Amino acid sequence: MAAESALKERERDARDEEIERLKAKVGEITMANESLYAKIGMLRGGRLLAGRRLRK
């Protein structure tokens, strides 16, 4: 709990802003990837990545 309160008391700086910006970017990329996988699934007749084989 002490560490938690210490983090809350610390002033925000440029690193915090950059972390928030990067988290938002990761969220955007994740959403885009999910959308693309859904589109691929529809193009393949609802079979998500069907026909793709793993190489041994």
C-alpha atoms as a PDB file:
ATOM      1  CA  MET A   1       0.000   0.000   0.000  1.00  0.00           C
ATOM      2  CA  ALA A   2       2.876   2.399   0.697  1.00  0.00           C
ATOM      3  CA  ALA A   3       4.200   2.010  -2.844  1.00  0.00           C
ATOM      4  CA  GLU A   4       0.725   2.616  -4.230  1.00  0.00           C
ATOM      5  CA  SER A   5       0.339   5.874  -2.331  1.00  0.00           C
ATOM      6  CA  ALA A   6       3.870   6.941  -3.293  1.00  0.00           C
ATOM      7  CA  LEU A   7       2.981   6.515  -6.961  1.00  0.00           C
ATOM      8  CA  LYS A   8      -0.178   8.573  -6.515  1.00  0.00           C
ATOM      9  CA  GLU A   9       1.779  11.366  -4.827  1.00  0.00           C
ATOM     10  CA  ARG A  10       4.464  11.566  -7.528  1.00  0.00           C
ATOM     11  CA  GLU A  11       4.029  14.370 -10.030  1.00  0.00           C
ATOM     12  CA  ARG A  12       3.336  13.385 -13.607  1.00  0.00           C
ATOM     13  CA  ASP A  13       6.094  14.073 -16.092  1.00  0.00           C
ATOM     14  CA  ALA A  14       6.832  13.584 -19.797  1.00  0.00           C
ATOM     15  CA  ARG A  15       7.444   9.840 -19.276  1.00  0.00           C
ATOM     16  CA  ASP A  16       3.910   9.392 -17.948  1.00  0.00           C
ATOM     17  CA  GLU A  17       2.490  11.184 -20.966  1.00  0.00           C
ATOM     18  CA  GLU A  18       4.566   9.022 -23.317  1.00  0.00           C
ATOM     19  CA  ILE A  19       3.438   5.841 -21.532  1.00  0.00           C
ATOM     20  CA  GLU A  20      -0.201   6.861 -21.905  1.00  0.00           C
ATOM     21  CA  ARG A  21       0.323   7.701 -25.579  1.00  0.00           C
ATOM     22  CA  LEU A  22       1.968   4.322 -26.215  1.00  0.00           C
ATOM     23  CA  LYS A  23      -0.768   2.433 -24.341  1.00  0.00           C
ATOM     24  CA  ALA A  24      -3.363   4.145 -26.511  1.00  0.00           C
ATOM     25  CA  LYS A  25      -1.393   3.241 -29.650  1.00  0.00           C
ATOM     26  CA  VAL A  26      -1.193  -0.420 -28.580  1.00  0.00           C
ATOM     27  CA  GLY A  27      -4.958  -0.364 -28.063  1.00  0.00           C
ATOM     28  CA  GLU A  28      -5.507   1.060 -31.551  1.00  0.00           C
ATOM     29  CA  ILE A  29      -3.253  -1.559 -33.144  1.00  0.00           C
ATOM     30  CA  THR A  30      -4.972  -4.348 -31.209  1.00  0.00           C
ATOM     31  CA  MET A  31      -8.392  -3.200 -32.416  1.00  0.00           C
ATOM     32  CA  ALA A  32      -7.136  -2.955 -36.006  1.00  0.00           C
ATOM     33  CA  ASN A  33      -5.692  -6.480 -35.819  1.00  0.00           C
ATOM     34  CA  GLU A  34      -8.940  -7.885 -34.447  1.00  0.00           C
ATOM     35  CA  SER A  35     -10.850  -6.196 -37.249  1.00  0.00           C
ATOM     36  CA  LEU A  36      -8.485  -7.616 -39.861  1.00  0.00           C
ATOM     37  CA  TYR A  37      -8.769 -11.132 -38.433  1.00  0.00           C
ATOM     38  CA  ALA A  38     -12.566 -10.843 -38.561  1.00  0.00           C
ATOM     39  CA  LYS A  39     -12.411  -9.720 -42.199  1.00  0.00           C
ATOM     40  CA  ILE A  40     -10.073 -12.604 -43.054  1.00  0.00           C
ATOM     41  CA  GLY A  41     -12.530 -14.983 -41.418  1.00  0.00           C
ATOM     42  CA  MET A  42     -15.394 -13.626 -43.506  1.00  0.00           C
ATOM     43  CA  LEU A  43     -13.368 -13.865 -46.714  1.00  0.00           C
ATOM     44  CA  ARG A  44     -12.570 -17.487 -45.950  1.00  0.00           C
ATOM     45  CA  GLY A  45     -16.217 -18.341 -45.465  1.00  0.00           C
ATOM     46  CA  GLY A  46     -16.311 -17.893 -41.716  1.00  0.00           C
ATOM     47  CA  ARG A  47     -13.416 -20.281 -41.181  1.00  0.00           C
ATOM     48  CA  LEU A  48     -10.885 -18.245 -39.264  1.00  0.00           C
ATOM     49  CA  LEU A  49      -7.526 -18.718 -40.985  1.00  0.00           C
ATOM     50  CA  ALA A  50      -8.678 -22.044 -42.407  1.00  0.00           C
ATOM     51  CA  GLY A  51      -6.363 -23.676 -44.873  1.00  0.00           C
ATOM     52  CA  ARG A  52      -3.290 -22.430 -43.118  1.00  0.00           C
ATOM     53  CA  ARG A  53      -0.948 -25.248 -42.179  1.00  0.00           C
ATOM     54  CA  LEU A  54       1.906 -25.268 -39.745  1.00  0.00           C
ATOM     55  CA  ARG A  55       5.258 -26.416 -41.032  1.00  0.00           C
ATOM     56  CA  LYS A  56       7.179 -28.976 -39.040  1.00  0.00           C
END
